[in-house]
Amino acid sequence: MRLTLPAALAYHPAPLGLVPLIDHPSFRHPMAEPRAIERFASLALVLEWALGLRVLAADLVQWYTQRKGVLCVFPDTKVYWFLAGTIRDGTPYEVLDWGEIPHFALRTPGYPLFLAVCRFLFGDRPIAVRLVQAGLGVLCVWLVYRLTDLFLPERERAGGERPRRWTPALVAAALVAFNPYFIVTSALILTEAVFLPLMLFGLWALAVLWTGDDASAPRRRGWAWALGAGFAWGAAVLVRPSWALFPPAALLAWVVASGRGRRVAAVRGAGLVVLGTVVVMAPWWVRNERLFGRFVPTAIWTGASLYDGLNPRATGASNMDFMNDPALWPLDEETQDALLRDRALAFARDRPGRALGLAAVKFARYWSPWPNAESFRSPLVALASATFTIPLFILMALGVWDRRRDPRALVILAGPLLYFCAMHMVFASSMRYRIPAEMPAMVLAAIGVQRLSHRLARDRDRSVVESH
C-alpha cells in the first residue's frame, strides 16, 4: 500500500510525539529487544559451565575406566603413564617393549612431565589428572575468548561499559565450553589436554604481534609476546611432535604477508619466537645428542607412524600390528625407525595410485562428522554427532568466507585445521586428530554466527518494511 503522511500519523498511537517510524517496535532490530537468552551472556557464567561439564566428564570417564579395569580409553595412555613414572622416580627415560628392546626416544617428554608433576603432587590417582585437565579445558575457553577479540572491530571487543549481549568473542567461548568433543578431551589422559592451551597461547601471541591495518603492534611488550609464543610452541612440540612444522610455516606467512613498513619488525619478532622455541627444546636435543650421537629433534617414531599410514595393508586407520613382525621388533629403535621409513617411502613410490587412494580415505576420515572408532560407532552416536558437527562446519565455512581476504585470520584460525588435515592424509587419520585444530576455528564459527545473524536481521527488517 502507499504510505502517506496522514496515514503514518494515524498509524502511530501518539502522532504529536513525532517519533520516527523506524523506532516503532515492529521496526526495531531484533537484538534491541531484551531477551531471556541475553541474561546468560556472561563470560563468568560460560566459564562456570565449562568447568562443571568438564568435572562431570572427568568423573564419568573415571567411573567407566574403573569399571573396565583400564587406565584410560585409549592404549597410548599406558606409555605416557609409564614414562611419567620414570621422570618422577628418577629412573632412565625409556620404554622396554617388543621383546625387552629399550626405546629411549619413543615419546617426547612434554606430556609425561605433566603427568609426573600431577603424580608427585596427588599420587597415582588418574582422577586427579583428569580434574587438573578440566581446569586446563576452562583455560582454553578463556584463551579462545581472548583470541576472538583480536579479530573483531574495536566496538565489538571486550571491555568497556555496554549492555549484556552475545558478542562474537562470547559466542566462540560458548562453542568451546559446550562442545562435547572438547569436554571429553579434557577427561582423557592423552596429549591433547595439555597441547591445546599451549597451542592457543602461541596463536594468541602471534595474533597480537601480527596486527592488521587497523591496529598497532604493542611496541613495548612485543618481545615478551614473541618469546612467550616461542616458549608455548616449543612446549607444544614436546607434547605433540606433529605440531613441529606449523610454527615455522605460520612465521613465514607472517613475514611474507607483512607490508614493507612492517617486514623488519615481523622478521625480528619471528626470530624471537624461534629463540623461545629453541630455549625450551634445547635440553631434549642435548639429551638425545648424548644418547644417539646425532641431532634428534623430537621422537624416534616417525618411521613407524609413516608406515602405519603407507603400507600394503593400510586402511587409513591406525593399526600397529606390524610391530609384532619378528623381523622388526628385535631391532634397536634407530634401525627399526629407518627401516620402516624406507618401507613406507618405497610403498608410496612403487604404488602411487594406492597411496593417493589412501590419502582420499584419510581425508574422509579426518572430516568425518562422527567417530571413526568401531567401539564408538552406532546410529545414535552418528546422528547426534552429525547434528552438532555439520552445522559447525557450515558456520566455520561462513567465517572463512567472511575473512577470505585476511591472511592473518586464515593462517591463525584456519591454518591448524588445514595443517593437520594435510599431515594426516599421509599418516594414519581419524576425526580425533581434527578435534584439537577445531578449537581456534571456533573463532571463525563465531564470526559465521555473526554474519548469519546480521543477514537474518536484514531480511527481517526488509520484510517488516515491505509489509508496512
Protein backbone atom coordinates (compact mmCIF):
# COMPACT_ATOMS: atom_id res chain seq x y z
CA MET A 1 0.00 0.00 0.00
CA ARG A 2 1.03 3.64 -0.39
CA LEU A 3 2.13 5.27 2.89
CA THR A 4 1.05 8.93 3.17
CA LEU A 5 1.80 11.40 5.97
CA PRO A 6 -1.78 11.31 7.40
CA ALA A 7 -1.71 7.52 7.32
CA ALA A 8 1.65 7.48 9.10
CA LEU A 9 0.42 9.85 11.80
CA ALA A 10 -2.78 7.88 12.22
CA TYR A 11 -0.78 4.67 12.48
CA HIS A 12 1.30 5.87 15.45
CA PRO A 13 -0.63 5.93 18.74
CA ALA A 14 0.98 9.27 19.73
CA PRO A 15 1.37 11.22 16.48
CA LEU A 16 2.28 14.51 18.15
CA GLY A 17 5.38 12.90 19.60
CA LEU A 18 6.75 12.72 16.04
CA VAL A 19 8.69 9.52 16.84
CA PRO A 20 10.39 8.29 13.67
CA LEU A 21 8.63 5.35 12.10
CA ILE A 22 11.79 3.26 12.23
CA ASP A 23 11.68 3.48 16.06
CA HIS A 24 8.30 1.76 16.19
CA PRO A 25 8.66 -1.62 17.97
CA SER A 26 7.84 -3.52 14.78
CA PHE A 27 10.82 -1.90 13.03
CA ARG A 28 13.45 -2.25 15.71
CA HIS A 29 16.44 -4.51 15.25
CA PRO A 30 15.66 -7.86 16.88
CA MET A 31 18.77 -7.52 19.09
CA ALA A 32 17.38 -4.27 20.55
CA GLU A 33 14.63 -6.10 22.44
CA PRO A 34 15.79 -7.69 25.70
CA ARG A 35 15.56 -11.46 25.52
CA ALA A 36 15.88 -14.17 28.11
CA ILE A 37 18.99 -15.58 26.42
CA GLU A 38 20.82 -12.27 26.93
CA ARG A 39 20.77 -12.89 30.67
CA PHE A 40 23.21 -15.75 30.08
CA ALA A 41 25.63 -13.56 28.09
CA SER A 42 28.39 -13.60 30.69
CA LEU A 43 31.95 -14.87 30.37
CA ALA A 44 31.98 -15.84 34.05
CA LEU A 45 28.87 -17.95 33.55
CA VAL A 46 30.29 -19.61 30.45
CA LEU A 47 33.49 -20.46 32.34
CA GLU A 48 31.49 -21.87 35.25
CA TRP A 49 29.52 -24.12 32.93
CA ALA A 50 32.74 -25.15 31.17
CA LEU A 51 34.29 -26.21 34.47
CA GLY A 52 31.19 -28.03 35.67
CA LEU A 53 30.81 -30.01 32.45
CA ARG A 54 34.48 -30.98 32.40
CA VAL A 55 34.47 -32.09 36.04
CA LEU A 56 31.38 -34.18 35.28
CA ALA A 57 33.13 -35.71 32.26
CA ALA A 58 36.20 -36.48 34.39
CA ASP A 59 34.03 -38.33 36.91
CA LEU A 60 32.18 -40.27 34.22
CA VAL A 61 35.35 -41.32 32.39
CA GLN A 62 36.95 -42.32 35.69
CA TRP A 63 33.89 -44.44 36.55
CA TYR A 64 33.95 -46.05 33.09
CA THR A 65 37.66 -46.90 33.18
CA GLN A 66 37.44 -48.32 36.70
CA ARG A 67 34.52 -50.47 35.62
CA LYS A 68 36.54 -51.75 32.64
CA GLY A 69 39.69 -52.16 34.71
CA VAL A 70 41.81 -49.96 32.41
CA LEU A 71 43.81 -46.79 32.91
CA CYS A 72 42.08 -44.91 30.10
CA VAL A 73 40.02 -45.42 26.98
CA PHE A 74 42.98 -45.36 24.56
CA PRO A 75 46.08 -47.59 24.86
CA ASP A 76 48.53 -44.68 24.36
CA THR A 77 47.89 -43.67 27.96
CA LYS A 78 49.88 -46.62 29.30
CA VAL A 79 53.08 -45.44 27.62
CA TYR A 80 52.69 -41.87 28.90
CA TRP A 81 51.86 -43.07 32.40
CA PHE A 82 54.91 -45.34 32.49
CA LEU A 83 57.26 -42.61 31.24
CA ALA A 84 55.81 -40.22 33.82
CA GLY A 85 56.84 -42.74 36.47
CA THR A 86 60.41 -42.75 35.21
CA ILE A 87 60.57 -38.95 35.49
CA ARG A 88 59.06 -38.90 38.97
CA ASP A 89 61.27 -41.73 40.25
CA GLY A 90 64.46 -40.54 38.56
CA THR A 91 64.95 -43.74 36.54
CA PRO A 92 66.07 -43.81 32.87
CA TYR A 93 63.57 -42.31 30.47
CA GLU A 94 62.99 -45.42 28.35
CA VAL A 95 60.33 -47.92 27.41
CA LEU A 96 61.03 -51.65 27.25
CA ASP A 97 58.74 -53.16 24.68
CA TRP A 98 58.61 -55.72 21.88
CA GLY A 99 60.90 -58.27 23.42
CA GLU A 100 62.51 -56.05 26.09
CA ILE A 101 64.14 -53.80 23.47
CA PRO A 102 64.81 -50.37 25.05
CA HIS A 103 63.36 -47.31 23.33
CA PHE A 104 64.93 -44.09 24.60
CA ALA A 105 63.01 -41.61 22.44
CA LEU A 106 59.70 -43.35 21.83
CA ARG A 107 57.78 -40.29 23.06
CA THR A 108 58.76 -36.68 23.67
CA PRO A 109 58.79 -35.73 27.38
CA GLY A 110 56.20 -32.92 27.44
CA TYR A 111 53.09 -34.84 28.45
CA PRO A 112 54.92 -37.39 30.65
CA LEU A 113 56.43 -34.44 32.54
CA PHE A 114 52.95 -33.03 33.15
CA LEU A 115 51.76 -36.43 34.40
CA ALA A 116 54.84 -36.76 36.61
CA VAL A 117 54.07 -33.43 38.31
CA CYS A 118 50.45 -34.47 38.87
CA ARG A 119 51.51 -37.84 40.30
CA PHE A 120 54.11 -36.18 42.52
CA LEU A 121 51.51 -33.78 43.93
CA PHE A 122 48.46 -36.02 44.11
CA GLY A 123 49.77 -39.58 43.97
CA ASP A 124 48.97 -42.25 41.41
CA ARG A 125 45.36 -41.18 41.03
CA PRO A 126 44.11 -40.76 37.44
CA ILE A 127 41.10 -38.77 38.65
CA ALA A 128 43.46 -36.05 39.90
CA VAL A 129 44.99 -35.78 36.43
CA ARG A 130 41.54 -35.56 34.85
CA LEU A 131 40.49 -32.78 37.22
CA VAL A 132 43.65 -30.77 36.54
CA GLN A 133 42.97 -31.18 32.84
CA ALA A 134 39.42 -29.95 33.43
CA GLY A 135 40.99 -26.72 34.67
CA LEU A 136 43.14 -26.58 31.52
CA GLY A 137 39.98 -27.02 29.47
CA VAL A 138 38.48 -23.94 31.14
CA LEU A 139 41.70 -22.07 30.38
CA CYS A 140 41.18 -22.96 26.71
CA VAL A 141 37.72 -21.38 26.79
CA TRP A 142 39.22 -18.14 28.13
CA LEU A 143 42.05 -18.21 25.57
CA VAL A 144 39.60 -18.59 22.69
CA TYR A 145 37.63 -15.64 24.09
CA ARG A 146 40.78 -13.51 24.12
CA LEU A 147 41.86 -14.74 20.68
CA THR A 148 38.47 -13.86 19.16
CA ASP A 149 38.72 -10.29 20.45
CA LEU A 150 41.79 -9.70 18.30
CA PHE A 151 39.83 -10.39 15.11
CA LEU A 152 36.94 -8.03 15.83
CA PRO A 153 36.43 -4.31 15.23
CA GLU A 154 37.15 -2.12 18.24
CA ARG A 155 33.46 -1.63 19.03
CA GLU A 156 32.95 -5.40 19.31
CA ARG A 157 35.87 -6.10 21.63
CA ALA A 158 35.75 -6.99 25.31
CA GLY A 159 35.89 -4.24 27.90
CA GLY A 160 34.02 -1.05 28.39
CA GLU A 161 30.51 -0.40 29.66
CA ARG A 162 27.86 -1.90 27.42
CA PRO A 163 24.66 -3.87 27.74
CA ARG A 164 24.97 -7.60 28.28
CA ARG A 165 24.86 -9.34 24.91
CA TRP A 166 26.30 -12.22 22.96
CA THR A 167 29.38 -10.78 21.27
CA PRO A 168 31.33 -12.97 18.83
CA ALA A 169 34.02 -13.49 21.49
CA LEU A 170 31.43 -14.78 23.93
CA VAL A 171 29.84 -16.98 21.26
CA ALA A 172 33.25 -18.51 20.47
CA ALA A 173 33.89 -19.15 24.16
CA ALA A 174 30.48 -20.82 24.49
CA LEU A 175 31.12 -23.00 21.44
CA VAL A 176 34.29 -24.27 23.11
CA ALA A 177 32.68 -24.60 26.54
CA PHE A 178 29.76 -26.73 25.35
CA ASN A 179 31.42 -28.71 22.54
CA PRO A 180 31.06 -32.36 23.62
CA TYR A 181 34.32 -33.42 21.99
CA PHE A 182 36.29 -30.68 23.74
CA ILE A 183 34.65 -31.66 27.02
CA VAL A 184 35.62 -35.33 26.65
CA THR A 185 39.15 -34.41 25.52
CA SER A 186 39.77 -32.79 28.92
CA ALA A 187 38.86 -36.05 30.67
CA LEU A 188 41.13 -38.36 28.66
CA ILE A 189 44.72 -38.94 29.74
CA LEU A 190 46.13 -38.02 26.34
CA THR A 191 48.34 -35.27 24.98
CA GLU A 192 45.51 -33.12 23.63
CA ALA A 193 44.55 -31.81 27.07
CA VAL A 194 47.95 -30.13 27.56
CA PHE A 195 48.68 -29.42 23.91
CA LEU A 196 45.56 -27.29 23.40
CA PRO A 197 46.29 -24.43 25.85
CA LEU A 198 49.90 -24.29 24.64
CA MET A 199 48.83 -24.12 21.00
CA LEU A 200 46.18 -21.50 21.74
CA PHE A 201 48.52 -19.26 23.72
CA GLY A 202 51.02 -19.34 20.86
CA LEU A 203 48.30 -18.44 18.36
CA TRP A 204 47.07 -15.64 20.62
CA ALA A 205 50.60 -14.23 20.92
CA LEU A 206 51.10 -14.42 17.15
CA ALA A 207 47.77 -12.62 16.61
CA VAL A 208 48.93 -9.83 18.95
CA LEU A 209 52.21 -9.48 17.08
CA TRP A 210 50.72 -9.83 13.61
CA THR A 211 48.44 -6.81 13.73
CA GLY A 212 46.16 -5.75 10.90
CA ASP A 213 45.97 -2.41 9.19
CA ASP A 214 43.52 -1.09 11.79
CA ALA A 215 45.70 -1.83 14.84
CA SER A 216 49.17 -1.04 16.08
CA ALA A 217 51.61 -3.54 17.48
CA PRO A 218 52.36 -3.40 21.20
CA ARG A 219 55.80 -1.84 20.79
CA ARG A 220 56.87 -2.05 24.42
CA ARG A 221 55.95 -5.67 25.05
CA GLY A 222 56.31 -7.15 21.59
CA TRP A 223 59.46 -9.00 22.59
CA ALA A 224 57.63 -10.61 25.54
CA TRP A 225 54.78 -11.80 23.33
CA ALA A 226 57.26 -13.22 20.81
CA LEU A 227 59.25 -15.10 23.43
CA GLY A 228 56.00 -16.28 25.02
CA ALA A 229 54.84 -17.69 21.70
CA GLY A 230 58.18 -19.46 21.31
CA PHE A 231 58.04 -20.92 24.82
CA ALA A 232 54.46 -22.12 24.33
CA TRP A 233 55.05 -23.62 20.90
CA GLY A 234 58.31 -25.26 21.96
CA ALA A 235 56.45 -26.92 24.83
CA ALA A 236 53.61 -27.83 22.44
CA VAL A 237 56.05 -29.67 20.17
CA LEU A 238 57.44 -31.57 23.17
CA VAL A 239 53.87 -32.57 23.99
CA ARG A 240 52.75 -33.31 20.43
CA PRO A 241 55.61 -33.55 17.88
CA SER A 242 53.25 -33.39 14.89
CA TRP A 243 52.94 -29.64 15.61
CA ALA A 244 56.61 -29.07 14.73
CA LEU A 245 56.10 -27.82 11.17
CA PHE A 246 53.26 -25.39 11.82
CA PRO A 247 55.17 -22.66 13.73
CA PRO A 248 57.80 -22.10 11.01
CA ALA A 249 55.08 -22.12 8.34
CA ALA A 250 53.00 -19.57 10.29
CA LEU A 251 56.03 -17.35 10.93
CA LEU A 252 56.94 -17.43 7.24
CA ALA A 253 53.39 -16.45 6.31
CA TRP A 254 53.56 -13.57 8.81
CA VAL A 255 56.78 -12.22 7.31
CA VAL A 256 55.61 -12.60 3.71
CA ALA A 257 52.19 -11.03 4.35
CA SER A 258 53.63 -8.05 6.24
CA GLY A 259 53.91 -4.82 4.33
CA ARG A 260 57.23 -3.15 3.63
CA GLY A 261 56.95 -0.96 6.67
CA ARG A 262 56.37 -3.92 8.98
CA ARG A 263 58.51 -6.66 7.47
CA VAL A 264 61.61 -5.83 9.51
CA ALA A 265 59.57 -5.93 12.72
CA ALA A 266 58.00 -9.21 11.61
CA VAL A 267 61.41 -10.76 10.94
CA ARG A 268 62.63 -9.59 14.34
CA GLY A 269 59.55 -10.97 16.06
CA ALA A 270 59.80 -14.29 14.21
CA GLY A 271 63.42 -14.56 15.31
CA LEU A 272 62.41 -14.14 18.95
CA VAL A 273 59.71 -16.81 18.56
CA VAL A 274 62.34 -19.19 17.18
CA LEU A 275 64.67 -18.29 20.06
CA GLY A 276 61.97 -19.08 22.62
CA THR A 277 61.28 -22.42 20.94
CA VAL A 278 64.96 -23.34 20.92
CA VAL A 279 65.35 -22.47 24.61
CA VAL A 280 62.51 -24.81 25.57
CA MET A 281 63.54 -27.70 23.32
CA ALA A 282 67.32 -27.48 23.79
CA PRO A 283 67.52 -29.77 26.88
CA TRP A 284 65.78 -32.56 24.94
CA TRP A 285 68.10 -32.05 21.98
CA VAL A 286 71.19 -32.17 24.18
CA ARG A 287 69.98 -35.34 25.88
CA ASN A 288 69.35 -37.04 22.51
CA GLU A 289 72.72 -35.93 21.16
CA ARG A 290 74.42 -37.62 24.09
CA LEU A 291 72.41 -40.81 23.66
CA PHE A 292 72.40 -41.20 19.88
CA GLY A 293 75.38 -39.11 18.78
CA ARG A 294 73.23 -37.12 16.37
CA PHE A 295 70.51 -34.49 16.29
CA VAL A 296 67.09 -35.96 17.12
CA PRO A 297 64.57 -33.07 17.20
CA THR A 298 61.55 -34.90 18.62
CA ALA A 299 60.99 -38.67 18.87
CA ILE A 300 62.29 -41.71 17.03
CA TRP A 301 58.90 -42.93 15.95
CA THR A 302 58.37 -41.20 12.60
CA GLY A 303 59.18 -44.34 10.62
CA ALA A 304 56.58 -46.45 12.41
CA SER A 305 53.96 -43.69 12.14
CA LEU A 306 54.67 -43.24 8.44
CA TYR A 307 54.49 -46.97 7.73
CA ASP A 308 51.25 -47.13 9.70
CA GLY A 309 49.72 -44.88 7.04
CA LEU A 310 51.57 -46.20 3.99
CA ASN A 311 51.81 -49.99 3.76
CA PRO A 312 50.16 -52.73 1.68
CA ARG A 313 47.58 -53.45 4.40
CA ALA A 314 46.85 -49.82 5.31
CA THR A 315 43.20 -48.79 5.56
CA GLY A 316 43.60 -45.17 6.64
CA ALA A 317 43.10 -46.10 10.29
CA SER A 318 45.95 -46.78 12.72
CA ASN A 319 46.94 -50.42 13.13
CA MET A 320 50.37 -51.07 14.64
CA ASP A 321 50.16 -54.89 14.49
CA PHE A 322 53.06 -54.88 12.05
CA MET A 323 55.31 -54.09 15.01
CA ASN A 324 54.91 -57.73 16.09
CA ASP A 325 56.83 -58.85 12.99
CA PRO A 326 59.89 -60.86 14.17
CA ALA A 327 61.92 -59.05 11.53
CA LEU A 328 61.18 -55.72 13.22
CA TRP A 329 60.86 -55.84 16.98
CA PRO A 330 64.33 -57.23 17.78
CA LEU A 331 65.94 -54.22 16.06
CA ASP A 332 67.17 -51.21 18.03
CA GLU A 333 64.95 -48.16 17.70
CA GLU A 334 67.12 -46.24 15.23
CA THR A 335 67.48 -49.18 12.84
CA GLN A 336 63.81 -50.00 13.18
CA ASP A 337 62.77 -46.41 12.52
CA ALA A 338 64.96 -46.15 9.40
CA LEU A 339 63.74 -49.49 8.03
CA LEU A 340 60.06 -48.62 8.43
CA ARG A 341 60.56 -45.18 6.93
CA ASP A 342 62.27 -46.71 3.89
CA ARG A 343 59.47 -49.27 3.51
CA ALA A 344 56.79 -46.57 3.65
CA LEU A 345 58.56 -44.40 1.07
CA ALA A 346 59.11 -47.43 -1.19
CA PHE A 347 55.41 -48.28 -0.98
CA ALA A 348 54.41 -44.73 -1.99
CA ARG A 349 56.95 -44.72 -4.81
CA ASP A 350 56.03 -48.15 -6.20
CA ARG A 351 52.25 -47.79 -5.80
CA PRO A 352 51.40 -44.11 -6.21
CA GLY A 353 47.79 -44.82 -7.15
CA ARG A 354 47.23 -46.80 -3.97
CA ALA A 355 48.92 -44.07 -1.91
CA LEU A 356 46.62 -41.43 -3.45
CA GLY A 357 43.60 -43.62 -2.79
CA LEU A 358 44.64 -43.93 0.85
CA ALA A 359 45.06 -40.15 1.03
CA ALA A 360 41.43 -39.74 -0.11
CA VAL A 361 40.25 -42.24 2.51
CA LYS A 362 42.24 -40.44 5.21
CA PHE A 363 40.80 -37.11 4.11
CA ALA A 364 37.29 -38.51 4.56
CA ARG A 365 38.16 -39.97 7.96
CA TYR A 366 39.63 -36.65 9.11
CA TRP A 367 36.49 -34.70 8.18
CA SER A 368 34.07 -37.37 9.34
CA PRO A 369 31.20 -35.78 11.31
CA TRP A 370 31.03 -38.84 13.60
CA PRO A 371 33.62 -41.01 15.39
CA ASN A 372 35.69 -43.41 13.29
CA ALA A 373 36.45 -45.96 16.01
CA GLU A 374 34.34 -49.11 15.89
CA SER A 375 33.77 -49.02 19.65
CA PHE A 376 32.08 -45.61 19.37
CA ARG A 377 30.20 -46.22 16.14
CA SER A 378 26.42 -46.56 16.38
CA PRO A 379 23.49 -44.95 14.52
CA LEU A 380 22.51 -42.92 17.57
CA VAL A 381 26.05 -41.62 18.18
CA ALA A 382 26.48 -40.87 14.47
CA LEU A 383 23.20 -38.95 14.32
CA ALA A 384 23.95 -36.94 17.47
CA SER A 385 27.48 -36.14 16.33
CA ALA A 386 26.43 -35.15 12.81
CA THR A 387 23.62 -32.95 14.16
CA PHE A 388 26.21 -30.98 16.10
CA THR A 389 29.22 -31.13 13.76
CA ILE A 390 27.72 -30.38 10.33
CA PRO A 391 26.18 -27.02 11.36
CA LEU A 392 29.52 -26.19 12.96
CA PHE A 393 31.28 -26.89 9.65
CA ILE A 394 28.83 -24.56 7.90
CA LEU A 395 29.47 -21.78 10.42
CA MET A 396 33.24 -22.21 10.08
CA ALA A 397 32.90 -22.02 6.28
CA LEU A 398 30.91 -18.78 6.63
CA GLY A 399 33.65 -17.40 8.87
CA VAL A 400 36.34 -18.35 6.36
CA TRP A 401 34.38 -16.65 3.57
CA ASP A 402 33.96 -13.53 5.69
CA ARG A 403 37.74 -13.35 6.31
CA ARG A 404 38.85 -14.68 2.93
CA ARG A 405 40.96 -11.56 2.26
CA ASP A 406 42.60 -11.59 5.70
CA PRO A 407 45.74 -13.76 5.64
CA ARG A 408 46.23 -13.24 9.38
CA ALA A 409 42.86 -14.81 10.19
CA LEU A 410 43.28 -17.61 7.65
CA VAL A 411 46.70 -18.63 8.98
CA ILE A 412 45.96 -18.36 12.70
CA LEU A 413 42.36 -19.56 12.80
CA ALA A 414 42.03 -21.95 9.83
CA GLY A 415 45.72 -22.84 9.46
CA PRO A 416 45.89 -25.54 12.19
CA LEU A 417 42.80 -27.29 10.79
CA LEU A 418 44.26 -27.44 7.28
CA TYR A 419 47.75 -28.27 8.54
CA PHE A 420 46.64 -31.36 10.46
CA CYS A 421 44.42 -32.37 7.54
CA ALA A 422 47.39 -32.35 5.16
CA MET A 423 49.56 -34.22 7.67
CA HIS A 424 47.01 -36.96 8.24
CA MET A 425 46.50 -37.52 4.55
CA VAL A 426 49.97 -39.06 4.81
CA PHE A 427 49.90 -40.59 8.29
CA ALA A 428 47.01 -42.59 9.74
CA SER A 429 43.88 -40.49 10.06
CA SER A 430 40.88 -40.09 12.32
CA MET A 431 38.48 -37.35 13.30
CA ARG A 432 40.27 -37.47 16.67
CA TYR A 433 43.19 -35.62 15.06
CA ARG A 434 40.84 -32.88 13.84
CA ILE A 435 39.43 -32.05 17.27
CA PRO A 436 42.40 -30.01 18.62
CA ALA A 437 42.63 -27.99 15.40
CA GLU A 438 38.93 -27.12 15.59
CA MET A 439 39.39 -25.06 18.73
CA PRO A 440 40.92 -21.93 17.11
CA ALA A 441 38.45 -22.41 14.26
CA MET A 442 35.64 -21.73 16.75
CA VAL A 443 36.56 -18.07 16.25
CA LEU A 444 35.60 -18.49 12.59
CA ALA A 445 32.39 -20.24 13.61
CA ALA A 446 31.51 -17.29 15.88
CA ILE A 447 32.19 -14.90 13.01
CA GLY A 448 29.92 -17.12 10.91
CA VAL A 449 27.20 -16.81 13.56
CA GLN A 450 27.58 -13.03 13.46
CA ARG A 451 27.42 -12.95 9.67
CA LEU A 452 24.35 -15.19 9.63
CA SER A 453 22.56 -13.21 12.35
CA HIS A 454 23.18 -9.95 10.50
CA ARG A 455 21.83 -11.46 7.31
CA LEU A 456 18.71 -12.73 9.08
CA ALA A 457 18.21 -9.35 10.76
CA ARG A 458 18.43 -7.53 7.41
CA ASP A 459 15.97 -9.92 5.83
CA ARG A 460 13.58 -9.50 8.75
CA ASP A 461 13.80 -5.69 8.63
CA ARG A 462 13.20 -5.76 4.90
CA SER A 463 10.14 -7.96 5.29
CA VAL A 464 8.76 -5.68 8.03
CA VAL A 465 9.25 -2.58 5.85
CA GLU A 466 7.61 -4.27 2.87
CA SER A 467 4.65 -5.40 4.98
CA HIS A 468 4.01 -1.82 6.04
